[in-house]
C-alpha atoms as a PDB file:
ATOM      1  CA  MET A   1     -26.837  10.248  15.311  1.00  0.00           C
ATOM      2  CA  PRO A   2     -25.956   6.628  14.412  1.00  0.00           C
ATOM      3  CA  ASP A   3     -24.504   4.429  17.056  1.00  0.00           C
ATOM      4  CA  VAL A   4     -20.699   4.126  17.016  1.00  0.00           C
ATOM      5  CA  THR A   5     -18.955   0.965  18.181  1.00  0.00           C
ATOM      6  CA  THR A   6     -15.508   1.347  19.709  1.00  0.00           C
ATOM      7  CA  ILE A   7     -13.024  -1.369  18.836  1.00  0.00           C
ATOM      8  CA  ARG A   8      -9.738  -1.394  20.690  1.00  0.00           C
ATOM      9  CA  VAL A   9      -6.987  -3.090  18.714  1.00  0.00           C
ATOM     10  CA  ILE A  10      -3.724  -4.244  20.297  1.00  0.00           C
ATOM     11  CA  GLU A  11      -0.870  -5.121  17.936  1.00  0.00           C
ATOM     12  CA  PHE A  12       2.872  -5.492  17.704  1.00  0.00           C
ATOM     13  CA  PRO A  13       4.609  -2.415  16.226  1.00  0.00           C
ATOM     14  CA  SER A  14       5.346  -3.124  12.583  1.00  0.00           C
ATOM     15  CA  THR A  15       4.349  -2.134   9.080  1.00  0.00           C
ATOM     16  CA  GLY A  16       1.291  -4.317   9.656  1.00  0.00           C
ATOM     17  CA  LEU A  17      -0.218  -1.346  11.509  1.00  0.00           C
ATOM     18  CA  LEU A  18      -0.429   0.643   8.272  1.00  0.00           C
ATOM     19  CA  PRO A  19      -3.908  -0.543   7.140  1.00  0.00           C
ATOM     20  CA  HIS A  20      -5.330   0.411  10.531  1.00  0.00           C
ATOM     21  CA  TYR A  21      -3.958   3.940  10.305  1.00  0.00           C
ATOM     22  CA  VAL A  22      -5.066   4.347   6.727  1.00  0.00           C
ATOM     23  CA  ALA A  23      -8.552   3.127   7.620  1.00  0.00           C
ATOM     24  CA  ILE A  24      -8.677   5.663  10.457  1.00  0.00           C
ATOM     25  CA  GLU A  25      -7.320   8.609   8.487  1.00  0.00           C
ATOM     26  CA  SER A  26      -9.325   7.860   5.332  1.00  0.00           C
ATOM     27  CA  GLY A  27     -12.591   7.425   7.214  1.00  0.00           C
ATOM     28  CA  PHE A  28     -13.053   3.745   6.288  1.00  0.00           C
ATOM     29  CA  PHE A  29     -13.744   2.745   9.885  1.00  0.00           C
ATOM     30  CA  GLU A  30     -15.986   5.775  10.444  1.00  0.00           C
ATOM     31  CA  ALA A  31     -18.055   4.773   7.411  1.00  0.00           C
ATOM     32  CA  GLU A  32     -18.676   1.409   9.084  1.00  0.00           C
ATOM     33  CA  GLY A  33     -19.809   3.072  12.337  1.00  0.00           C
ATOM     34  CA  LEU A  34     -16.584   2.214  14.121  1.00  0.00           C
ATOM     35  CA  ASP A  35     -14.225   4.160  16.317  1.00  0.00           C
ATOM     36  CA  VAL A  36     -10.957   2.203  16.288  1.00  0.00           C
ATOM     37  CA  GLU A  37      -8.203   2.759  18.846  1.00  0.00           C
ATOM     38  CA  ILE A  38      -4.718   1.320  18.310  1.00  0.00           C
ATOM     39  CA  THR A  39      -2.368   0.238  21.112  1.00  0.00           C
ATOM     40  CA  ALA A  40       1.129  -1.137  20.579  1.00  0.00           C
ATOM     41  CA  THR A  41       1.748  -4.112  22.834  1.00  0.00           C
ATOM     42  CA  PRO A  42       5.018  -4.514  24.782  1.00  0.00           C
ATOM     43  CA  ASN A  43       4.864  -8.315  24.482  1.00  0.00           C
ATOM     44  CA  SER A  44       2.604 -11.230  23.643  1.00  0.00           C
ATOM     45  CA  VAL A  45       1.769 -12.002  27.306  1.00  0.00           C
ATOM     46  CA  PHE A  46       0.322  -8.501  27.819  1.00  0.00           C
ATOM     47  CA  GLN A  47      -1.505  -8.697  24.495  1.00  0.00           C
ATOM     48  CA  ILE A  48      -3.218 -12.044  24.903  1.00  0.00           C
ATOM     49  CA  THR A  49      -4.096 -11.727  28.603  1.00  0.00           C
ATOM     50  CA  ASN A  50      -5.642  -8.316  28.021  1.00  0.00           C
ATOM     51  CA  LEU A  51      -7.548  -9.542  24.967  1.00  0.00           C
ATOM     52  CA  ILE A  52      -9.020 -12.398  26.993  1.00  0.00           C
ATOM     53  CA  ASP A  53      -9.803 -10.053  29.898  1.00  0.00           C
ATOM     54  CA  GLY A  54     -11.861  -7.825  27.545  1.00  0.00           C
ATOM     55  CA  ASN A  55      -9.564  -4.815  27.628  1.00  0.00           C
ATOM     56  CA  PHE A  56      -9.235  -5.095  23.847  1.00  0.00           C
ATOM     57  CA  GLU A  57     -11.544  -6.461  21.234  1.00  0.00           C
ATOM     58  CA  ILE A  58      -9.080  -7.361  18.448  1.00  0.00           C
ATOM     59  CA  ALA A  59      -5.416  -8.337  18.323  1.00  0.00           C
ATOM     60  CA  GLY A  60      -2.988  -8.321  15.474  1.00  0.00           C
ATOM     61  CA  THR A  61      -0.814 -11.216  16.548  1.00  0.00           C
ATOM     62  CA  ALA A  62       0.962 -14.348  15.493  1.00  0.00           C
ATOM     63  CA  ILE A  63      -1.292 -17.333  14.819  1.00  0.00           C
ATOM     64  CA  ASP A  64       1.044 -19.267  17.133  1.00  0.00           C
ATOM     65  CA  ASN A  65      -0.069 -17.106  20.053  1.00  0.00           C
ATOM     66  CA  VAL A  66      -3.682 -18.065  19.392  1.00  0.00           C
ATOM     67  CA  VAL A  67      -2.805 -21.765  19.273  1.00  0.00           C
ATOM     68  CA  ALA A  68      -0.526 -21.575  22.300  1.00  0.00           C
ATOM     69  CA  TYR A  69      -3.128 -20.151  24.671  1.00  0.00           C
ATOM     70  CA  GLN A  70      -5.981 -22.221  23.266  1.00  0.00           C
ATOM     71  CA  GLU A  71      -3.923 -25.342  23.932  1.00  0.00           C
ATOM     72  CA  GLY A  72      -2.789 -24.399  27.427  1.00  0.00           C
ATOM     73  CA  GLN A  73       0.776 -23.875  26.286  1.00  0.00           C
ATOM     74  CA  GLY A  74       1.037 -20.145  26.790  1.00  0.00           C
ATOM     75  CA  VAL A  75       3.425 -18.436  29.167  1.00  0.00           C
ATOM     76  CA  ALA A  76       0.841 -16.731  31.405  1.00  0.00           C
ATOM     77  CA  GLU A  77      -2.071 -18.001  33.456  1.00  0.00           C
ATOM     78  CA  LEU A  78      -5.427 -16.794  32.160  1.00  0.00           C
ATOM     79  CA  SER A  79      -8.369 -15.398  34.045  1.00  0.00           C
ATOM     80  CA  ARG A  80     -10.797 -17.690  32.172  1.00  0.00           C
ATOM     81  CA  ASP A  81     -10.999 -20.394  29.578  1.00  0.00           C
ATOM     82  CA  PRO A  82      -9.826 -18.817  26.284  1.00  0.00           C
ATOM     83  CA  ASP A  83     -12.012 -18.617  23.179  1.00  0.00           C
ATOM     84  CA  LEU A  84      -9.493 -17.084  20.755  1.00  0.00           C
ATOM     85  CA  PHE A  85      -9.760 -17.441  17.001  1.00  0.00           C
ATOM     86  CA  ALA A  86      -8.277 -15.892  13.887  1.00  0.00           C
ATOM     87  CA  PHE A  87     -10.783 -14.267  11.553  1.00  0.00           C
ATOM     88  CA  MET A  88      -8.518 -13.005   8.778  1.00  0.00           C
ATOM     89  CA  GLY A  89      -4.860 -12.899   7.798  1.00  0.00           C
ATOM     90  CA  ALA A  90      -2.627  -9.950   8.473  1.00  0.00           C
ATOM     91  CA  GLY A  91       0.519  -8.558   6.929  1.00  0.00           C
ATOM     92  CA  GLN A  92       2.982 -11.436   6.534  1.00  0.00           C
ATOM     93  CA  VAL A  93       6.596 -10.822   7.425  1.00  0.00           C
ATOM     94  CA  ASN A  94       9.891 -12.301   6.448  1.00  0.00           C
ATOM     95  CA  LEU A  95      11.670 -12.454   9.776  1.00  0.00           C
ATOM     96  CA  GLY A  96      15.333 -11.632   9.736  1.00  0.00           C
ATOM     97  CA  LEU A  97      17.837 -13.295  12.067  1.00  0.00           C
ATOM     98  CA  SER A  98      19.636 -10.174  13.193  1.00  0.00           C
ATOM     99  CA  VAL A  99      22.944 -10.634  14.988  1.00  0.00           C
ATOM    100  CA  GLN A 100      25.925  -8.702  16.286  1.00  0.00           C
ATOM    101  CA  ALA A 101      28.503  -7.610  13.711  1.00  0.00           C
ATOM    102  CA  ASN A 102      31.002 -10.230  14.869  1.00  0.00           C
ATOM    103  CA  ILE A 103      28.619 -13.113  14.144  1.00  0.00           C
ATOM    104  CA  ALA A 104      29.310 -14.585  10.700  1.00  0.00           C
ATOM    105  CA  SER A 105      27.297 -17.796  10.780  1.00  0.00           C
ATOM    106  CA  TYR A 106      24.951 -19.943  12.861  1.00  0.00           C
ATOM    107  CA  SER A 107      27.869 -21.741  14.464  1.00  0.00           C
ATOM    108  CA  ASP A 108      28.993 -18.434  15.983  1.00  0.00           C
ATOM    109  CA  LEU A 109      25.766 -18.355  18.004  1.00  0.00           C
ATOM    110  CA  LYS A 110      26.819 -21.326  20.089  1.00  0.00           C
ATOM    111  CA  GLY A 111      27.335 -20.347  23.700  1.00  0.00           C
ATOM    112  CA  THR A 112      25.415 -17.078  23.302  1.00  0.00           C
ATOM    113  CA  THR A 113      22.075 -15.685  24.474  1.00  0.00           C
ATOM    114  CA  LEU A 114      19.314 -14.867  22.008  1.00  0.00           C
ATOM    115  CA  ALA A 115      16.416 -12.479  22.625  1.00  0.00           C
ATOM    116  CA  VAL A 116      12.802 -13.578  22.121  1.00  0.00           C
ATOM    117  CA  ASP A 117       9.402 -12.171  22.905  1.00  0.00           C
ATOM    118  CA  ALA A 118       8.460 -15.086  25.177  1.00  0.00           C
ATOM    119  CA  LEU A 119       9.974 -18.522  25.641  1.00  0.00           C
ATOM    120  CA  SER A 120       7.076 -20.637  24.344  1.00  0.00           C
ATOM    121  CA  THR A 121       5.033 -18.421  22.009  1.00  0.00           C
ATOM    122  CA  GLY A 122       5.417 -16.233  18.947  1.00  0.00           C
ATOM    123  CA  PHE A 123       8.638 -16.569  17.044  1.00  0.00           C
ATOM    124  CA  ALA A 124      10.628 -18.596  19.621  1.00  0.00           C
ATOM    125  CA  PHE A 125       9.866 -21.968  18.015  1.00  0.00           C
ATOM    126  CA  MET A 126      10.700 -20.627  14.572  1.00  0.00           C
ATOM    127  CA  LEU A 127      14.081 -19.455  15.884  1.00  0.00           C
ATOM    128  CA  ARG A 128      14.714 -22.791  17.604  1.00  0.00           C
ATOM    129  CA  GLU A 129      13.991 -24.668  14.385  1.00  0.00           C
ATOM    130  CA  MET A 130      16.208 -22.348  12.300  1.00  0.00           C
ATOM    131  CA  LEU A 131      19.058 -22.938  14.773  1.00  0.00           C
ATOM    132  CA  GLU A 132      18.551 -26.729  14.805  1.00  0.00           C
ATOM    133  CA  ILE A 133      18.472 -27.242  11.079  1.00  0.00           C
ATOM    134  CA  ASN A 134      21.680 -25.167  10.844  1.00  0.00           C
ATOM    135  CA  GLY A 135      23.557 -27.281  13.358  1.00  0.00           C
ATOM    136  CA  VAL A 136      23.054 -25.425  16.643  1.00  0.00           C
ATOM    137  CA  GLY A 137      21.685 -27.748  19.370  1.00  0.00           C
ATOM    138  CA  HIS A 138      19.131 -26.639  21.973  1.00  0.00           C
ATOM    139  CA  ASP A 139      21.700 -26.889  24.752  1.00  0.00           C
ATOM    140  CA  GLU A 140      24.192 -24.693  22.931  1.00  0.00           C
ATOM    141  CA  TYR A 141      22.445 -21.336  23.467  1.00  0.00           C
ATOM    142  CA  GLU A 142      20.009 -19.704  25.812  1.00  0.00           C
ATOM    143  CA  LEU A 143      16.772 -17.871  24.922  1.00  0.00           C
ATOM    144  CA  ILE A 144      15.994 -14.792  26.959  1.00  0.00           C
ATOM    145  CA  PRO A 145      12.478 -13.253  26.963  1.00  0.00           C
ATOM    146  CA  VAL A 146      12.676  -9.483  26.481  1.00  0.00           C
ATOM    147  CA  GLY A 147       9.364  -8.585  24.744  1.00  0.00           C
ATOM    148  CA  ALA A 148       8.199  -7.367  21.375  1.00  0.00           C
ATOM    149  CA  THR A 149      10.379  -6.497  18.380  1.00  0.00           C
ATOM    150  CA  PRO A 150      11.344  -2.952  19.513  1.00  0.00           C
ATOM    151  CA  ALA A 151      12.585  -4.376  22.828  1.00  0.00           C
ATOM    152  CA  ARG A 152      14.536  -7.106  21.047  1.00  0.00           C
ATOM    153  CA  LEU A 153      16.153  -4.572  18.728  1.00  0.00           C
ATOM    154  CA  GLU A 154      17.020  -2.345  21.692  1.00  0.00           C
ATOM    155  CA  ALA A 155      18.609  -5.277  23.474  1.00  0.00           C
ATOM    156  CA  LEU A 156      20.684  -6.153  20.410  1.00  0.00           C
ATOM    157  CA  VAL A 157      21.873  -2.601  19.829  1.00  0.00           C
ATOM    158  CA  ALA A 158      22.847  -2.398  23.504  1.00  0.00           C
ATOM    159  CA  GLY A 159      24.941  -5.558  23.023  1.00  0.00           C
ATOM    160  CA  ASP A 160      22.970  -7.520  25.594  1.00  0.00           C
ATOM    161  CA  HIS A 161      22.381 -10.539  23.329  1.00  0.00           C
ATOM    162  CA  ALA A 162      23.935 -12.065  20.241  1.00  0.00           C
ATOM    163  CA  GLY A 163      20.871 -12.205  18.046  1.00  0.00           C
ATOM    164  CA  ALA A 164      17.083 -12.223  17.606  1.00  0.00           C
ATOM    165  CA  LEU A 165      14.424 -12.617  14.995  1.00  0.00           C
ATOM    166  CA  LEU A 166      13.180  -9.180  13.906  1.00  0.00           C
ATOM    167  CA  ASN A 167      10.389  -8.227  11.574  1.00  0.00           C
ATOM    168  CA  PRO A 168      10.561  -5.316   9.136  1.00  0.00           C
ATOM    169  CA  PRO A 169      11.158  -2.448   9.415  1.00  0.00           C
ATOM    170  CA  PHE A 170      13.153  -3.297  12.545  1.00  0.00           C
ATOM    171  CA  THR A 171      15.440  -5.604  10.603  1.00  0.00           C
ATOM    172  CA  GLU A 172      16.463  -2.600   8.542  1.00  0.00           C
ATOM    173  CA  PHE A 173      16.739  -0.429  11.633  1.00  0.00           C
ATOM    174  CA  GLY A 174      19.135  -2.978  13.054  1.00  0.00           C
ATOM    175  CA  GLU A 175      21.306  -3.014   9.951  1.00  0.00           C
ATOM    176  CA  ALA A 176      21.470   0.764  10.069  1.00  0.00           C
ATOM    177  CA  ALA A 177      22.690   0.470  13.681  1.00  0.00           C
ATOM    178  CA  GLY A 178      25.484  -1.964  12.705  1.00  0.00           C
ATOM    179  CA  LEU A 179      23.778  -5.333  13.148  1.00  0.00           C
ATOM    180  CA  ARG A 180      23.959  -8.090  10.490  1.00  0.00           C
ATOM    181  CA  THR A 181      21.188 -10.248   9.076  1.00  0.00           C
ATOM    182  CA  ILE A 182      22.448 -13.772   8.471  1.00  0.00           C
ATOM    183  CA  ASP A 183      19.252 -15.519   7.481  1.00  0.00           C
ATOM    184  CA  TYR A 184      15.509 -15.067   6.838  1.00  0.00           C
ATOM    185  CA  SER A 185      12.632 -17.227   7.959  1.00  0.00           C
ATOM    186  CA  GLU A 186      11.320 -17.592   4.404  1.00  0.00           C
ATOM    187  CA  ASP A 187      14.672 -18.986   3.271  1.00  0.00           C
ATOM    188  CA  ALA A 188      15.179 -21.312   6.269  1.00  0.00           C
ATOM    189  CA  LEU A 189      11.716 -22.726   6.890  1.00  0.00           C
ATOM    190  CA  PRO A 190       8.741 -24.118   4.940  1.00  0.00           C
ATOM    191  CA  PRO A 191       5.976 -21.552   4.296  1.00  0.00           C
ATOM    192  CA  CYS A 192       4.561 -20.233   7.621  1.00  0.00           C
ATOM    193  CA  GLN A 193       1.396 -18.331   8.395  1.00  0.00           C
ATOM    194  CA  ILE A 194       2.639 -15.737  10.809  1.00  0.00           C
ATOM    195  CA  GLY A 195       0.297 -12.768  11.259  1.00  0.00           C
ATOM    196  CA  VAL A 196      -3.478 -12.906  11.831  1.00  0.00           C
ATOM    197  CA  MET A 197      -6.202 -10.698  13.174  1.00  0.00           C
ATOM    198  CA  ALA A 198      -7.715 -12.429  16.172  1.00  0.00           C
ATOM    199  CA  ALA A 199     -10.593 -11.947  18.609  1.00  0.00           C
ATOM    200  CA  CYS A 200     -12.552 -13.814  21.275  1.00  0.00           C
ATOM    201  CA  ARG A 201     -15.423 -15.892  19.958  1.00  0.00           C
ATOM    202  CA  GLY A 202     -17.822 -14.524  22.589  1.00  0.00           C
ATOM    203  CA  TRP A 203     -17.204 -10.933  21.592  1.00  0.00           C
ATOM    204  CA  ALA A 204     -17.476 -11.728  17.911  1.00  0.00           C
ATOM    205  CA  ALA A 205     -20.777 -13.559  18.353  1.00  0.00           C
ATOM    206  CA  ALA A 206     -22.161 -10.568  20.243  1.00  0.00           C
ATOM    207  CA  ASN A 207     -20.831  -7.987  17.724  1.00  0.00           C
ATOM    208  CA  PRO A 208     -20.956  -9.635  14.304  1.00  0.00           C
ATOM    209  CA  GLU A 209     -21.709  -6.479  12.333  1.00  0.00           C
ATOM    210  CA  ALA A 210     -18.942  -4.528  14.023  1.00  0.00           C
ATOM    211  CA  LEU A 211     -16.452  -7.311  13.183  1.00  0.00           C
ATOM    212  CA  ARG A 212     -17.660  -7.451   9.565  1.00  0.00           C
ATOM    213  CA  GLY A 213     -17.361  -3.691   9.367  1.00  0.00           C
ATOM    214  CA  PHE A 214     -13.821  -3.850  10.662  1.00  0.00           C
ATOM    215  CA  ILE A 215     -12.940  -6.440   8.019  1.00  0.00           C
ATOM    216  CA  ARG A 216     -14.458  -4.370   5.205  1.00  0.00           C
ATOM    217  CA  ALA A 217     -12.596  -1.241   6.300  1.00  0.00           C
ATOM    218  CA  GLU A 218      -9.307  -3.144   6.512  1.00  0.00           C
ATOM    219  CA  LEU A 219      -9.761  -4.534   3.000  1.00  0.00           C
ATOM    220  CA  LYS A 220     -10.504  -1.036   1.652  1.00  0.00           C
ATOM    221  CA  ALA A 221      -7.348   0.219   3.360  1.00  0.00           C
ATOM    222  CA  ILE A 222      -5.216  -2.580   1.837  1.00  0.00           C
ATOM    223  CA  ASP A 223      -6.604  -1.812  -1.618  1.00  0.00           C
ATOM    224  CA  TRP A 224      -5.888   1.875  -1.105  1.00  0.00           C
ATOM    225  CA  ILE A 225      -2.269   1.199   0.046  1.00  0.00           C
ATOM    226  CA  ILE A 226      -1.372  -1.043  -2.887  1.00  0.00           C
ATOM    227  CA  ASP A 227      -2.818   1.385  -5.451  1.00  0.00           C
ATOM    228  CA  PRO A 228       0.247   3.028  -7.087  1.00  0.00           C
ATOM    229  CA  ALA A 229      -1.572   6.320  -7.112  1.00  0.00           C
ATOM    230  CA  ASN A 230      -1.464   6.351  -3.289  1.00  0.00           C
ATOM    231  CA  ALA A 231       2.193   5.486  -2.867  1.00  0.00           C
ATOM    232  CA  GLU A 232       3.230   8.882  -1.488  1.00  0.00           C
ATOM    233  CA  GLY A 233       0.220   9.175   0.782  1.00  0.00           C
ATOM    234  CA  ALA A 234       0.779   5.690   2.196  1.00  0.00           C
ATOM    235  CA  THR A 235       4.414   6.504   2.847  1.00  0.00           C
ATOM    236  CA  ASP A 236       3.382   9.695   4.609  1.00  0.00           C
ATOM    237  CA  THR A 237       0.958   7.743   6.816  1.00  0.00           C
ATOM    238  CA  LEU A 238       3.631   5.175   7.709  1.00  0.00           C
ATOM    239  CA  GLU A 239       6.203   7.805   8.527  1.00  0.00           C
ATOM    240  CA  ARG A 240       3.731   9.773  10.657  1.00  0.00           C
ATOM    241  CA  ASN A 241       2.566   6.844  12.730  1.00  0.00           C
ATOM    242  CA  MET A 242       5.684   4.655  13.176  1.00  0.00           C
ATOM    243  CA  PRO A 243       7.824   6.012  16.045  1.00  0.00           C
ATOM    244  CA  GLY A 244      11.450   6.518  15.179  1.00  0.00           C
ATOM    245  CA  MET A 245      10.897   6.217  11.440  1.00  0.00           C
ATOM    246  CA  ASP A 246      12.281   8.865   9.121  1.00  0.00           C
ATOM    247  CA  ARG A 247      11.380   9.377   5.468  1.00  0.00           C
ATOM    248  CA  ALA A 248      14.136   7.134   4.151  1.00  0.00           C
ATOM    249  CA  GLY A 249      13.044   4.343   6.532  1.00  0.00           C
ATOM    250  CA  ALA A 250       9.409   4.750   5.513  1.00  0.00           C
ATOM    251  CA  GLU A 251      10.295   4.568   1.835  1.00  0.00           C
ATOM    252  CA  ALA A 252      12.370   1.421   2.434  1.00  0.00           C
ATOM    253  CA  ALA A 253       9.581  -0.180   4.453  1.00  0.00           C
ATOM    254  CA  MET A 254       7.019   0.628   1.746  1.00  0.00           C
ATOM    255  CA  LYS A 255       9.064  -1.418  -0.715  1.00  0.00           C
ATOM    256  CA  ILE A 256       8.369  -4.415   1.479  1.00  0.00           C
ATOM    257  CA  VAL A 257       4.727  -3.468   2.004  1.00  0.00           C
ATOM    258  CA  LEU A 258       4.250  -3.283  -1.761  1.00  0.00           C
ATOM    259  CA  ASP A 259       6.254  -6.398  -2.607  1.00  0.00           C
ATOM    260  CA  PRO A 260       3.890  -8.648  -4.601  1.00  0.00           C
ATOM    261  CA  ASP A 261       5.150 -11.821  -2.907  1.00  0.00           C
ATOM    262  CA  ARG A 262       5.460 -10.780   0.776  1.00  0.00           C
ATOM    263  CA  GLY A 263       3.666  -7.460   1.040  1.00  0.00           C
ATOM    264  CA  LEU A 264       0.127  -6.461   1.898  1.00  0.00           C
ATOM    265  CA  ALA A 265      -1.510  -7.745  -1.300  1.00  0.00           C
ATOM    266  CA  GLY A 266      -3.382 -10.922  -0.406  1.00  0.00           C
ATOM    267  CA  SER A 267      -2.303 -10.731   3.249  1.00  0.00           C
ATOM    268  CA  ASP A 268      -5.931 -10.866   4.339  1.00  0.00           C
ATOM    269  CA  LYS A 269      -6.058 -14.566   3.328  1.00  0.00           C
ATOM    270  CA  ILE A 270      -4.998 -17.292   5.725  1.00  0.00           C
ATOM    271  CA  ASN A 271      -2.707 -19.956   4.314  1.00  0.00           C
ATOM    272  CA  HIS A 272      -3.803 -23.241   5.896  1.00  0.00           C
ATOM    273  CA  THR A 273      -0.594 -24.931   4.774  1.00  0.00           C
ATOM    274  CA  GLY A 274       1.338 -22.193   6.549  1.00  0.00           C
ATOM    275  CA  VAL A 275      -0.785 -22.734   9.675  1.00  0.00           C
ATOM    276  CA  ALA A 276       0.008 -26.438   9.492  1.00  0.00           C
ATOM    277  CA  THR A 277       3.722 -25.575   9.563  1.00  0.00           C
ATOM    278  CA  ILE A 278       3.170 -23.532  12.722  1.00  0.00           C
ATOM    279  CA  LEU A 279       1.259 -26.412  14.306  1.00  0.00           C
ATOM    280  CA  ALA A 280       4.084 -28.784  13.433  1.00  0.00           C
ATOM    281  CA  LEU A 281       6.581 -26.502  15.187  1.00  0.00           C
ATOM    282  CA  ARG A 282       4.335 -26.268  18.233  1.00  0.00           C
ATOM    283  CA  SER A 283       3.837 -30.015  18.261  1.00  0.00           C
ATOM    284  CA  LYS A 284       7.627 -30.410  18.316  1.00  0.00           C
ATOM    285  CA  TYR A 285       8.545 -27.711  20.872  1.00  0.00           C
ATOM    286  CA  GLY A 286       5.407 -26.927  22.859  1.00  0.00           C
ATOM    287  CA  GLU A 287       4.866 -27.974  26.454  1.00  0.00           C
ATOM    288  CA  PRO A 288       2.878 -29.888  27.520  1.00  0.00           C
ATOM    289  CA  GLN A 289       3.500 -31.876  24.347  1.00  0.00           C
ATOM    290  CA  LYS A 290       0.534 -32.212  22.008  1.00  0.00           C
ATOM    291  CA  ASN A 291       0.110 -33.417  18.453  1.00  0.00           C
ATOM    292  CA  LEU A 292      -1.609 -30.489  16.709  1.00  0.00           C
ATOM    293  CA  THR A 293      -2.842 -31.146  13.213  1.00  0.00           C
ATOM    294  CA  GLU A 294      -6.074 -29.243  12.686  1.00  0.00           C
ATOM    295  CA  PRO A 295      -5.732 -25.601  11.544  1.00  0.00           C
ATOM    296  CA  GLU A 296      -9.511 -25.137  11.443  1.00  0.00           C
ATOM    297  CA  ARG A 297      -9.693 -25.393  15.241  1.00  0.00           C
ATOM    298  CA  TYR A 298      -8.185 -21.925  15.515  1.00  0.00           C
ATOM    299  CA  ILE A 299      -9.752 -20.196  12.506  1.00  0.00           C
ATOM    300  CA  ASP A 300     -13.305 -19.039  11.692  1.00  0.00           C
ATOM    301  CA  LEU A 301     -13.633 -17.297   8.336  1.00  0.00           C
ATOM    302  CA  SER A 302     -17.424 -16.949   8.449  1.00  0.00           C
ATOM    303  CA  TYR A 303     -17.212 -13.236   9.418  1.00  0.00           C
ATOM    304  CA  TYR A 304     -14.680 -12.573   6.663  1.00  0.00           C
ATOM    305  CA  ASN A 305     -16.732 -14.414   4.064  1.00  0.00           C
ATOM    306  CA  THR A 306     -19.984 -12.654   4.916  1.00  0.00           C
ATOM    307  CA  ALA A 307     -18.258  -9.291   5.083  1.00  0.00           C
ATOM    308  CA  ILE A 308     -17.134  -9.547   1.450  1.00  0.00           C
ATOM    309  CA  ASP A 309     -20.313 -11.103   0.025  1.00  0.00           C
END
């Protein structure tokens, strides 16, 4: 019997999980000799520290998290020197600034608390920039770390905070629960590279064929999802694997997944200009302060390129 390599993936709950589940259920991972296990992370600190500790092999995360911990700007202390890198893009998301129903504009957020995953990683800097360019100073609100998107949504629905950045389908879940969306990251900011698939360089160097097989299976899954003939099957898979999602929610989420501009098509590519935007935000807000200008320091596409040759 051929050897099977187990790859443990840790990722934030979102529609970005869909290719993984399709690759599992359609046998794309199995065909590459892989047994892939998916874990939803409660927050970025848990995700990155456990990835570095070897409890997971791959993370679906924000490129900013990779940069933050490589540059010593992450929230948590690490057990060793990090060797994180992004090896392919992941489903890009248009983050919605979801707020309480009584919030009509950015100015109404003055004097409030806003929920984030962590104070100095992920989407916190994007939120700070959106607030600043819309006239809300850094001393006019407070950021409260509560964890990944489901926790932020829960905190908003409970009325604990005035607003938060949410990714689909949680933006839509929030609207259904009475929240409002007053802006989107794609409208407020220059193009950003948000999602990537990341790993540790040491693991990748020791398991190059497993990583290439993972990439090939992911690409097959993306192609399968965006094929119109598989629309119903993809919706079934999303509904089945996304906790709390009913059929109507799955169908609404699939419209985003299949959107030619911000859906899965082409999401495997990494936009270096978008990474540069993230580096500019981290250069502005990160501590200790650093001038970060080299996207290639955090990216290695050699496994991707040899996987598709």
